[in-house]
Amino acid sequence: MISVLILTKNEEQDLPGCLQSVAWCNDIHVFDSFSDDKTVDIARAAGATITQRKFDNWAAHQNWGLANIPFKHNWVLYIDADERVSEKLKETLLRFSSVDAEVVAYEIQRRDFAWNGRWLKHAQMSPFYLRLFRPDKMQYKRLVNPVSIPDGKVARIDGFLDHYPFSKGFRFWWQRHLSYADMEAAMRMMDMDAGTSFSFQKAVFSTDFSERRYHQKGIFYKMPGRPFIKWFYLAIWRRGFLDGRAGVTYAVLQAVYEYFIVLKTKELQAASSYRA
């Protein structure tokens, strides 16, 4: 068997469906950031083990959880409240047994669904995420949109993890991404202040997905015209237009989000210059 880890903050709407999709697990942990709605009551009623900690940033929060939550099993499936374990993934996880001792994490293909229920099959930055792992062999970096850093080999398993990012509506999506933009801009300022360097060679040719992703993110944030580049990548390069209006619209939303990061970074730079 495996353990399940769900991060929450005021997830009374989405948590019931998420818990139902992992009801087959005998060790469910809800890692809550002191919700003030019915999230904890829902988790407790479902028999989940509840751990609470004040949220500071994504990497620190997730790393603390992996290090301090008393998981019953050696392998952990990490999911968010707006995600669901599909039937195919459930079948895979129920018969899961890692035969390769060197493998410490598994990539799972995620299906993102638009507000109209359409699968954004093409308009995704990446369809694979490291969500099944040994907690003692996993760590996260970056304040937001953290990069998974496994200490060992990575493989893939069958089945989809279904994601509903618009389950709470457009207003919630925008508000959440505005906060993400703040943290992304803060990360950009930290990298500039520290003189952090990123490798183009590793960003393109590294066989380690997590390493490649880390350096791609670092290089991307140094490029001019990022909002347009992101739109072109999602809508054209990854053929998001094949997802119809939903795919093109999603590419636009992601481009605007990228522009928020640009504006916030300029705002922080101006404030820093003023203090100097």
C-alpha atoms as a PDB file:
ATOM      1  CA  MET A   1       0.000   0.000   0.000  1.00  0.00           C
ATOM      2  CA  ILE A   2       0.875   3.665  -0.238  1.00  0.00           C
ATOM      3  CA  SER A   3       0.056   6.758   1.823  1.00  0.00           C
ATOM      4  CA  VAL A   4      -1.761   9.806   0.450  1.00  0.00           C
ATOM      5  CA  LEU A   5      -0.861  13.432   1.168  1.00  0.00           C
ATOM      6  CA  ILE A   6      -3.329  16.249   0.444  1.00  0.00           C
ATOM      7  CA  LEU A   7      -2.417  19.913   0.997  1.00  0.00           C
ATOM      8  CA  THR A   8      -5.346  22.143   1.948  1.00  0.00           C
ATOM      9  CA  LYS A   9      -6.342  25.704   2.755  1.00  0.00           C
ATOM     10  CA  ASN A  10     -10.104  26.364   2.800  1.00  0.00           C
ATOM     11  CA  GLU A  11     -10.938  23.461   0.506  1.00  0.00           C
ATOM     12  CA  GLU A  12     -14.427  22.562   1.739  1.00  0.00           C
ATOM     13  CA  GLN A  13     -15.723  22.613  -1.846  1.00  0.00           C
ATOM     14  CA  ASP A  14     -13.152  20.364  -3.515  1.00  0.00           C
ATOM     15  CA  LEU A  15     -11.917  18.171  -0.688  1.00  0.00           C
ATOM     16  CA  PRO A  16     -14.895  15.749  -0.531  1.00  0.00           C
ATOM     17  CA  GLY A  17     -14.402  14.679  -4.155  1.00  0.00           C
ATOM     18  CA  CYS A  18     -10.666  14.376  -3.673  1.00  0.00           C
ATOM     19  CA  LEU A  19     -11.092  12.222  -0.566  1.00  0.00           C
ATOM     20  CA  GLN A  20     -13.607  10.035  -2.334  1.00  0.00           C
ATOM     21  CA  SER A  21     -11.110   9.365  -5.136  1.00  0.00           C
ATOM     22  CA  VAL A  22      -8.557   8.043  -2.598  1.00  0.00           C
ATOM     23  CA  ALA A  23     -10.973   6.279  -0.255  1.00  0.00           C
ATOM     24  CA  TRP A  24      -9.204   2.992  -1.093  1.00  0.00           C
ATOM     25  CA  CYS A  25      -6.142   4.166   0.880  1.00  0.00           C
ATOM     26  CA  ASN A  26      -5.754   3.268   4.579  1.00  0.00           C
ATOM     27  CA  ASP A  27      -3.363   6.134   5.360  1.00  0.00           C
ATOM     28  CA  ILE A  28      -4.665   9.515   4.182  1.00  0.00           C
ATOM     29  CA  HIS A  29      -3.004  12.671   5.507  1.00  0.00           C
ATOM     30  CA  VAL A  30      -4.497  16.145   5.151  1.00  0.00           C
ATOM     31  CA  PHE A  31      -1.781  18.764   5.591  1.00  0.00           C
ATOM     32  CA  ASP A  32      -3.782  21.880   6.373  1.00  0.00           C
ATOM     33  CA  SER A  33      -2.711  25.533   6.572  1.00  0.00           C
ATOM     34  CA  PHE A  34      -5.207  26.443   9.330  1.00  0.00           C
ATOM     35  CA  SER A  35      -8.360  26.562   7.225  1.00  0.00           C
ATOM     36  CA  ASP A  36     -11.217  28.621   8.631  1.00  0.00           C
ATOM     37  CA  ASP A  37     -13.996  26.797   6.775  1.00  0.00           C
ATOM     38  CA  LYS A  38     -15.172  23.165   7.089  1.00  0.00           C
ATOM     39  CA  THR A  39     -12.041  21.624   5.558  1.00  0.00           C
ATOM     40  CA  VAL A  40     -10.763  20.046   8.783  1.00  0.00           C
ATOM     41  CA  ASP A  41     -14.224  18.739   9.750  1.00  0.00           C
ATOM     42  CA  ILE A  42     -14.584  17.110   6.318  1.00  0.00           C
ATOM     43  CA  ALA A  43     -11.135  15.532   6.571  1.00  0.00           C
ATOM     44  CA  ARG A  44     -11.793  14.255  10.088  1.00  0.00           C
ATOM     45  CA  ALA A  45     -15.155  12.769   9.086  1.00  0.00           C
ATOM     46  CA  ALA A  46     -13.397  10.882   6.279  1.00  0.00           C
ATOM     47  CA  GLY A  47     -10.952   9.362   8.752  1.00  0.00           C
ATOM     48  CA  ALA A  48      -7.933  11.302   7.523  1.00  0.00           C
ATOM     49  CA  THR A  49      -4.998  12.172   9.757  1.00  0.00           C
ATOM     50  CA  ILE A  50      -4.747  15.951  10.090  1.00  0.00           C
ATOM     51  CA  THR A  51      -1.538  17.936  10.456  1.00  0.00           C
ATOM     52  CA  GLN A  52      -1.614  21.735  10.565  1.00  0.00           C
ATOM     53  CA  ARG A  53       1.144  24.249   9.875  1.00  0.00           C
ATOM     54  CA  LYS A  54       1.128  27.913   8.932  1.00  0.00           C
ATOM     55  CA  PHE A  55       1.957  28.282   5.246  1.00  0.00           C
ATOM     56  CA  ASP A  56       5.122  30.246   4.425  1.00  0.00           C
ATOM     57  CA  ASN A  57       6.067  29.201   0.894  1.00  0.00           C
ATOM     58  CA  TRP A  58       5.501  26.132  -1.245  1.00  0.00           C
ATOM     59  CA  ALA A  59       8.935  24.524  -1.042  1.00  0.00           C
ATOM     60  CA  ALA A  60       9.391  25.035   2.701  1.00  0.00           C
ATOM     61  CA  HIS A  61       5.844  23.871   3.431  1.00  0.00           C
ATOM     62  CA  GLN A  62       6.087  20.728   1.332  1.00  0.00           C
ATOM     63  CA  ASN A  63       9.571  19.860   2.597  1.00  0.00           C
ATOM     64  CA  TRP A  64       8.393  20.221   6.206  1.00  0.00           C
ATOM     65  CA  GLY A  65       5.439  17.947   5.527  1.00  0.00           C
ATOM     66  CA  LEU A  66       7.558  15.188   4.013  1.00  0.00           C
ATOM     67  CA  ALA A  67      10.002  15.356   6.911  1.00  0.00           C
ATOM     68  CA  ASN A  68       7.513  15.516   9.791  1.00  0.00           C
ATOM     69  CA  ILE A  69       4.259  13.786   8.865  1.00  0.00           C
ATOM     70  CA  PRO A  70       4.229  10.164  10.182  1.00  0.00           C
ATOM     71  CA  PHE A  71       3.372   8.249   7.015  1.00  0.00           C
ATOM     72  CA  LYS A  72       2.486   4.585   7.534  1.00  0.00           C
ATOM     73  CA  HIS A  73       3.900   3.432   4.210  1.00  0.00           C
ATOM     74  CA  ASN A  74       7.200   3.945   2.390  1.00  0.00           C
ATOM     75  CA  TRP A  75       5.590   5.502  -0.697  1.00  0.00           C
ATOM     76  CA  VAL A  76       3.459   8.661  -0.785  1.00  0.00           C
ATOM     77  CA  LEU A  77       1.017   9.899  -3.410  1.00  0.00           C
ATOM     78  CA  TYR A  78       0.814  13.692  -3.272  1.00  0.00           C
ATOM     79  CA  ILE A  79      -2.312  15.348  -4.666  1.00  0.00           C
ATOM     80  CA  ASP A  80      -4.119  18.668  -4.325  1.00  0.00           C
ATOM     81  CA  ALA A  81      -7.746  19.061  -3.296  1.00  0.00           C
ATOM     82  CA  ASP A  82      -8.789  20.011  -6.844  1.00  0.00           C
ATOM     83  CA  GLU A  83      -7.301  16.789  -8.226  1.00  0.00           C
ATOM     84  CA  ARG A  84      -8.829  13.327  -8.528  1.00  0.00           C
ATOM     85  CA  VAL A  85      -7.307   9.875  -8.857  1.00  0.00           C
ATOM     86  CA  SER A  86      -8.821   8.312 -11.984  1.00  0.00           C
ATOM     87  CA  GLU A  87     -10.025   4.712 -12.026  1.00  0.00           C
ATOM     88  CA  LYS A  88      -7.058   3.649 -14.146  1.00  0.00           C
ATOM     89  CA  LEU A  89      -4.598   5.297 -11.758  1.00  0.00           C
ATOM     90  CA  LYS A  90      -6.424   3.745  -8.810  1.00  0.00           C
ATOM     91  CA  GLU A  91      -5.983   0.282 -10.332  1.00  0.00           C
ATOM     92  CA  THR A  92      -2.287   0.961 -10.904  1.00  0.00           C
ATOM     93  CA  LEU A  93      -1.750   2.198  -7.351  1.00  0.00           C
ATOM     94  CA  LEU A  94      -3.608  -0.713  -5.768  1.00  0.00           C
ATOM     95  CA  ARG A  95      -1.240  -3.178  -7.376  1.00  0.00           C
ATOM     96  CA  PHE A  96       1.796  -0.919  -7.064  1.00  0.00           C
ATOM     97  CA  SER A  97       5.093  -2.504  -6.141  1.00  0.00           C
ATOM     98  CA  SER A  98       8.412  -0.915  -6.972  1.00  0.00           C
ATOM     99  CA  VAL A  99      10.650  -3.676  -8.341  1.00  0.00           C
ATOM    100  CA  ASP A 100      13.614  -1.375  -9.018  1.00  0.00           C
ATOM    101  CA  ALA A 101      15.317  -0.428  -5.757  1.00  0.00           C
ATOM    102  CA  GLU A 102      17.015   2.534  -7.448  1.00  0.00           C
ATOM    103  CA  VAL A 103      13.707   4.187  -8.413  1.00  0.00           C
ATOM    104  CA  VAL A 104      12.647   6.724  -5.778  1.00  0.00           C
ATOM    105  CA  ALA A 105       9.858   8.556  -7.632  1.00  0.00           C
ATOM    106  CA  TYR A 106       7.309   8.036 -10.389  1.00  0.00           C
ATOM    107  CA  GLU A 107       5.880  10.496 -12.879  1.00  0.00           C
ATOM    108  CA  ILE A 108       2.110  10.512 -13.311  1.00  0.00           C
ATOM    109  CA  GLN A 109       0.349  12.045 -16.296  1.00  0.00           C
ATOM    110  CA  ARG A 110      -2.036  14.818 -15.267  1.00  0.00           C
ATOM    111  CA  ARG A 111      -5.101  15.828 -17.231  1.00  0.00           C
ATOM    112  CA  ASP A 112      -6.041  19.494 -16.783  1.00  0.00           C
ATOM    113  CA  PHE A 113      -9.703  20.268 -17.461  1.00  0.00           C
ATOM    114  CA  ALA A 114     -11.051  23.656 -18.538  1.00  0.00           C
ATOM    115  CA  TRP A 115     -14.070  25.417 -17.032  1.00  0.00           C
ATOM    116  CA  ASN A 116     -16.305  23.751 -19.640  1.00  0.00           C
ATOM    117  CA  GLY A 117     -15.073  20.271 -18.753  1.00  0.00           C
ATOM    118  CA  ARG A 118     -12.856  19.897 -21.804  1.00  0.00           C
ATOM    119  CA  TRP A 119      -9.529  18.151 -21.340  1.00  0.00           C
ATOM    120  CA  LEU A 120      -6.718  20.570 -22.186  1.00  0.00           C
ATOM    121  CA  LYS A 121      -4.789  17.756 -23.794  1.00  0.00           C
ATOM    122  CA  HIS A 122      -2.307  20.000 -25.600  1.00  0.00           C
ATOM    123  CA  ALA A 123      -2.312  23.342 -23.746  1.00  0.00           C
ATOM    124  CA  GLN A 124      -0.172  22.191 -20.818  1.00  0.00           C
ATOM    125  CA  MET A 125       3.347  23.220 -19.880  1.00  0.00           C
ATOM    126  CA  SER A 126       4.065  19.600 -19.022  1.00  0.00           C
ATOM    127  CA  PRO A 127       1.699  16.620 -18.707  1.00  0.00           C
ATOM    128  CA  PHE A 128       3.916  14.633 -16.305  1.00  0.00           C
ATOM    129  CA  TYR A 129       4.470  15.340 -12.607  1.00  0.00           C
ATOM    130  CA  LEU A 130       6.445  13.573  -9.875  1.00  0.00           C
ATOM    131  CA  ARG A 131       3.611  12.699  -7.521  1.00  0.00           C
ATOM    132  CA  LEU A 132       4.411   9.206  -6.255  1.00  0.00           C
ATOM    133  CA  PHE A 133       7.651   9.020  -4.299  1.00  0.00           C
ATOM    134  CA  ARG A 134       9.545   7.948  -1.236  1.00  0.00           C
ATOM    135  CA  PRO A 135       9.273  10.977   1.094  1.00  0.00           C
ATOM    136  CA  ASP A 136      12.804  10.521   2.380  1.00  0.00           C
ATOM    137  CA  LYS A 137      14.108  10.817  -1.188  1.00  0.00           C
ATOM    138  CA  MET A 138      12.189  13.915  -2.309  1.00  0.00           C
ATOM    139  CA  GLN A 139      12.659  17.632  -1.760  1.00  0.00           C
ATOM    140  CA  TYR A 140      11.292  20.796  -3.335  1.00  0.00           C
ATOM    141  CA  LYS A 141      12.893  24.066  -4.470  1.00  0.00           C
ATOM    142  CA  ARG A 142      11.406  27.488  -5.343  1.00  0.00           C
ATOM    143  CA  LEU A 143       8.895  29.562  -3.375  1.00  0.00           C
ATOM    144  CA  VAL A 144       6.052  28.871  -5.823  1.00  0.00           C
ATOM    145  CA  ASN A 145       5.448  26.342  -8.591  1.00  0.00           C
ATOM    146  CA  PRO A 146       8.134  24.279  -6.873  1.00  0.00           C
ATOM    147  CA  VAL A 147      10.452  21.937  -8.728  1.00  0.00           C
ATOM    148  CA  SER A 148      10.573  18.344  -7.466  1.00  0.00           C
ATOM    149  CA  ILE A 149      14.118  17.140  -6.774  1.00  0.00           C
ATOM    150  CA  PRO A 150      14.282  13.340  -6.322  1.00  0.00           C
ATOM    151  CA  ASP A 151      17.383  11.723  -4.885  1.00  0.00           C
ATOM    152  CA  GLY A 152      17.517   8.788  -7.273  1.00  0.00           C
ATOM    153  CA  LYS A 153      16.046   7.337 -10.453  1.00  0.00           C
ATOM    154  CA  VAL A 154      12.622   8.275 -11.827  1.00  0.00           C
ATOM    155  CA  ALA A 155      10.146   6.100 -13.747  1.00  0.00           C
ATOM    156  CA  ARG A 156       6.521   6.404 -14.944  1.00  0.00           C
ATOM    157  CA  ILE A 157       3.305   4.611 -14.059  1.00  0.00           C
ATOM    158  CA  ASP A 158       0.012   4.240 -15.914  1.00  0.00           C
ATOM    159  CA  GLY A 159      -3.148   6.185 -15.188  1.00  0.00           C
ATOM    160  CA  PHE A 160      -4.278   9.805 -15.066  1.00  0.00           C
ATOM    161  CA  LEU A 161      -4.390  12.300 -12.234  1.00  0.00           C
ATOM    162  CA  ASP A 162      -7.313  14.571 -13.135  1.00  0.00           C
ATOM    163  CA  HIS A 163      -6.986  18.275 -12.301  1.00  0.00           C
ATOM    164  CA  TYR A 164      -9.800  20.874 -12.183  1.00  0.00           C
ATOM    165  CA  PRO A 165      -8.057  24.263 -11.782  1.00  0.00           C
ATOM    166  CA  PHE A 166     -11.248  26.231 -12.482  1.00  0.00           C
ATOM    167  CA  SER A 167     -13.452  24.348 -10.022  1.00  0.00           C
ATOM    168  CA  LYS A 168     -13.913  27.512  -7.933  1.00  0.00           C
ATOM    169  CA  GLY A 169     -14.397  29.816 -10.928  1.00  0.00           C
ATOM    170  CA  PHE A 170     -12.334  32.405 -12.774  1.00  0.00           C
ATOM    171  CA  ARG A 171     -12.183  34.887  -9.898  1.00  0.00           C
ATOM    172  CA  PHE A 172     -10.483  32.354  -7.634  1.00  0.00           C
ATOM    173  CA  TRP A 173      -8.092  31.328 -10.417  1.00  0.00           C
ATOM    174  CA  TRP A 174      -7.068  34.975 -10.967  1.00  0.00           C
ATOM    175  CA  GLN A 175      -6.675  35.711  -7.267  1.00  0.00           C
ATOM    176  CA  ARG A 176      -4.527  32.635  -6.749  1.00  0.00           C
ATOM    177  CA  HIS A 177      -2.318  33.464  -9.726  1.00  0.00           C
ATOM    178  CA  LEU A 178      -1.901  37.043  -8.566  1.00  0.00           C
ATOM    179  CA  SER A 179      -0.425  35.649  -5.347  1.00  0.00           C
ATOM    180  CA  TYR A 180       1.698  33.255  -7.395  1.00  0.00           C
ATOM    181  CA  ALA A 181       2.958  36.227  -9.424  1.00  0.00           C
ATOM    182  CA  ASP A 182       4.054  37.944  -6.209  1.00  0.00           C
ATOM    183  CA  MET A 183       6.095  34.907  -5.193  1.00  0.00           C
ATOM    184  CA  GLU A 184       7.512  34.367  -8.689  1.00  0.00           C
ATOM    185  CA  ALA A 185       8.679  37.983  -8.761  1.00  0.00           C
ATOM    186  CA  ALA A 186      10.220  37.576  -5.311  1.00  0.00           C
ATOM    187  CA  MET A 187      12.057  34.496  -6.602  1.00  0.00           C
ATOM    188  CA  ARG A 188      13.317  36.457  -9.613  1.00  0.00           C
ATOM    189  CA  MET A 189      14.652  39.206  -7.323  1.00  0.00           C
ATOM    190  CA  MET A 190      16.376  36.643  -5.104  1.00  0.00           C
ATOM    191  CA  ASP A 191      18.063  35.051  -8.128  1.00  0.00           C
ATOM    192  CA  MET A 192      19.249  38.441  -9.393  1.00  0.00           C
ATOM    193  CA  ASP A 193      20.540  39.519  -5.991  1.00  0.00           C
ATOM    194  CA  ALA A 194      22.362  36.220  -5.505  1.00  0.00           C
ATOM    195  CA  GLY A 195      23.722  36.147  -9.052  1.00  0.00           C
ATOM    196  CA  THR A 196      22.214  32.687  -9.572  1.00  0.00           C
ATOM    197  CA  SER A 197      23.259  31.153 -12.881  1.00  0.00           C
ATOM    198  CA  PHE A 198      21.365  28.621 -14.975  1.00  0.00           C
ATOM    199  CA  SER A 199      22.749  26.225 -17.573  1.00  0.00           C
ATOM    200  CA  PHE A 200      21.355  26.270 -21.118  1.00  0.00           C
ATOM    201  CA  GLN A 201      22.968  22.889 -21.723  1.00  0.00           C
ATOM    202  CA  LYS A 202      21.169  21.350 -18.733  1.00  0.00           C
ATOM    203  CA  ALA A 203      17.912  23.092 -19.659  1.00  0.00           C
ATOM    204  CA  VAL A 204      17.952  21.427 -23.077  1.00  0.00           C
ATOM    205  CA  PHE A 205      19.940  18.228 -22.818  1.00  0.00           C
ATOM    206  CA  SER A 206      19.749  17.008 -19.227  1.00  0.00           C
ATOM    207  CA  THR A 207      18.257  13.521 -18.978  1.00  0.00           C
ATOM    208  CA  ASP A 208      17.003  14.380 -15.489  1.00  0.00           C
ATOM    209  CA  PHE A 209      13.541  15.909 -15.921  1.00  0.00           C
ATOM    210  CA  SER A 210      13.648  17.827 -12.638  1.00  0.00           C
ATOM    211  CA  GLU A 211      17.082  19.282 -13.364  1.00  0.00           C
ATOM    212  CA  ARG A 212      16.027  20.210 -16.890  1.00  0.00           C
ATOM    213  CA  ARG A 213      12.842  21.854 -15.569  1.00  0.00           C
ATOM    214  CA  TYR A 214      14.758  23.829 -12.925  1.00  0.00           C
ATOM    215  CA  HIS A 215      17.182  25.339 -15.424  1.00  0.00           C
ATOM    216  CA  GLN A 216      14.428  25.944 -17.992  1.00  0.00           C
ATOM    217  CA  LYS A 217      12.502  28.013 -15.447  1.00  0.00           C
ATOM    218  CA  GLY A 218      15.609  29.998 -14.512  1.00  0.00           C
ATOM    219  CA  ILE A 219      16.502  30.802 -18.123  1.00  0.00           C
ATOM    220  CA  PHE A 220      12.901  31.553 -19.073  1.00  0.00           C
ATOM    221  CA  TYR A 221      12.625  34.301 -16.463  1.00  0.00           C
ATOM    222  CA  LYS A 222      15.588  36.099 -18.001  1.00  0.00           C
ATOM    223  CA  MET A 223      14.026  36.243 -21.471  1.00  0.00           C
ATOM    224  CA  PRO A 224      12.302  39.356 -22.869  1.00  0.00           C
ATOM    225  CA  GLY A 225       8.780  39.026 -24.238  1.00  0.00           C
ATOM    226  CA  ARG A 226       7.924  36.165 -21.907  1.00  0.00           C
ATOM    227  CA  PRO A 227       4.123  36.618 -22.043  1.00  0.00           C
ATOM    228  CA  PHE A 228       4.082  36.237 -25.825  1.00  0.00           C
ATOM    229  CA  ILE A 229       6.588  33.365 -25.700  1.00  0.00           C
ATOM    230  CA  LYS A 230       4.396  31.504 -23.218  1.00  0.00           C
ATOM    231  CA  TRP A 231       1.272  32.057 -25.309  1.00  0.00           C
ATOM    232  CA  PHE A 232       3.062  30.879 -28.459  1.00  0.00           C
ATOM    233  CA  TYR A 233       4.441  27.831 -26.674  1.00  0.00           C
ATOM    234  CA  LEU A 234       1.045  26.743 -25.321  1.00  0.00           C
ATOM    235  CA  ALA A 235      -1.222  27.759 -28.193  1.00  0.00           C
ATOM    236  CA  ILE A 236       1.028  26.983 -31.178  1.00  0.00           C
ATOM    237  CA  TRP A 237       4.101  24.918 -30.260  1.00  0.00           C
ATOM    238  CA  ARG A 238       2.193  22.513 -28.022  1.00  0.00           C
ATOM    239  CA  ARG A 239      -0.820  22.812 -30.352  1.00  0.00           C
ATOM    240  CA  GLY A 240      -3.211  24.166 -27.758  1.00  0.00           C
ATOM    241  CA  PHE A 241      -5.398  25.339 -30.629  1.00  0.00           C
ATOM    242  CA  LEU A 242      -6.409  21.683 -31.057  1.00  0.00           C
ATOM    243  CA  ASP A 243      -8.166  21.983 -27.706  1.00  0.00           C
ATOM    244  CA  GLY A 244     -10.491  24.516 -29.317  1.00  0.00           C
ATOM    245  CA  ARG A 245     -11.482  27.833 -27.798  1.00  0.00           C
ATOM    246  CA  ALA A 246     -10.725  26.521 -24.311  1.00  0.00           C
ATOM    247  CA  GLY A 247      -7.115  25.776 -25.267  1.00  0.00           C
ATOM    248  CA  VAL A 248      -6.485  29.164 -26.869  1.00  0.00           C
ATOM    249  CA  THR A 249      -8.188  30.960 -23.969  1.00  0.00           C
ATOM    250  CA  TYR A 250      -6.102  29.060 -21.458  1.00  0.00           C
ATOM    251  CA  ALA A 251      -2.940  30.081 -23.326  1.00  0.00           C
ATOM    252  CA  VAL A 252      -4.078  33.716 -23.085  1.00  0.00           C
ATOM    253  CA  LEU A 253      -4.714  33.363 -19.338  1.00  0.00           C
ATOM    254  CA  GLN A 254      -1.244  31.934 -18.830  1.00  0.00           C
ATOM    255  CA  ALA A 255       0.298  34.757 -20.904  1.00  0.00           C
ATOM    256  CA  VAL A 256      -1.490  37.383 -18.800  1.00  0.00           C
ATOM    257  CA  TYR A 257      -0.282  35.621 -15.664  1.00  0.00           C
ATOM    258  CA  GLU A 258       3.241  35.840 -17.031  1.00  0.00           C
ATOM    259  CA  TYR A 259       2.735  39.572 -17.604  1.00  0.00           C
ATOM    260  CA  PHE A 260       1.668  39.934 -13.962  1.00  0.00           C
ATOM    261  CA  ILE A 261       5.045  38.472 -12.974  1.00  0.00           C
ATOM    262  CA  VAL A 262       6.858  40.941 -15.253  1.00  0.00           C
ATOM    263  CA  LEU A 263       4.971  43.901 -13.758  1.00  0.00           C
ATOM    264  CA  LYS A 264       5.478  42.746 -10.177  1.00  0.00           C
ATOM    265  CA  THR A 265       9.205  42.231 -10.776  1.00  0.00           C
ATOM    266  CA  LYS A 266       9.510  45.774 -12.154  1.00  0.00           C
ATOM    267  CA  GLU A 267       7.610  47.063  -9.144  1.00  0.00           C
ATOM    268  CA  LEU A 268      10.022  45.312  -6.760  1.00  0.00           C
ATOM    269  CA  GLN A 269      13.035  46.575  -8.715  1.00  0.00           C
ATOM    270  CA  ALA A 270      11.725  50.139  -8.540  1.00  0.00           C
ATOM    271  CA  ALA A 271      11.129  49.827  -4.802  1.00  0.00           C
ATOM    272  CA  SER A 272      14.633  48.428  -4.327  1.00  0.00           C
ATOM    273  CA  SER A 273      16.199  51.272  -6.324  1.00  0.00           C
ATOM    274  CA  TYR A 274      14.215  53.824  -4.312  1.00  0.00           C
ATOM    275  CA  ARG A 275      15.437  52.366  -0.978  1.00  0.00           C
ATOM    276  CA  ALA A 276      19.005  52.356  -2.270  1.00  0.00           C
END
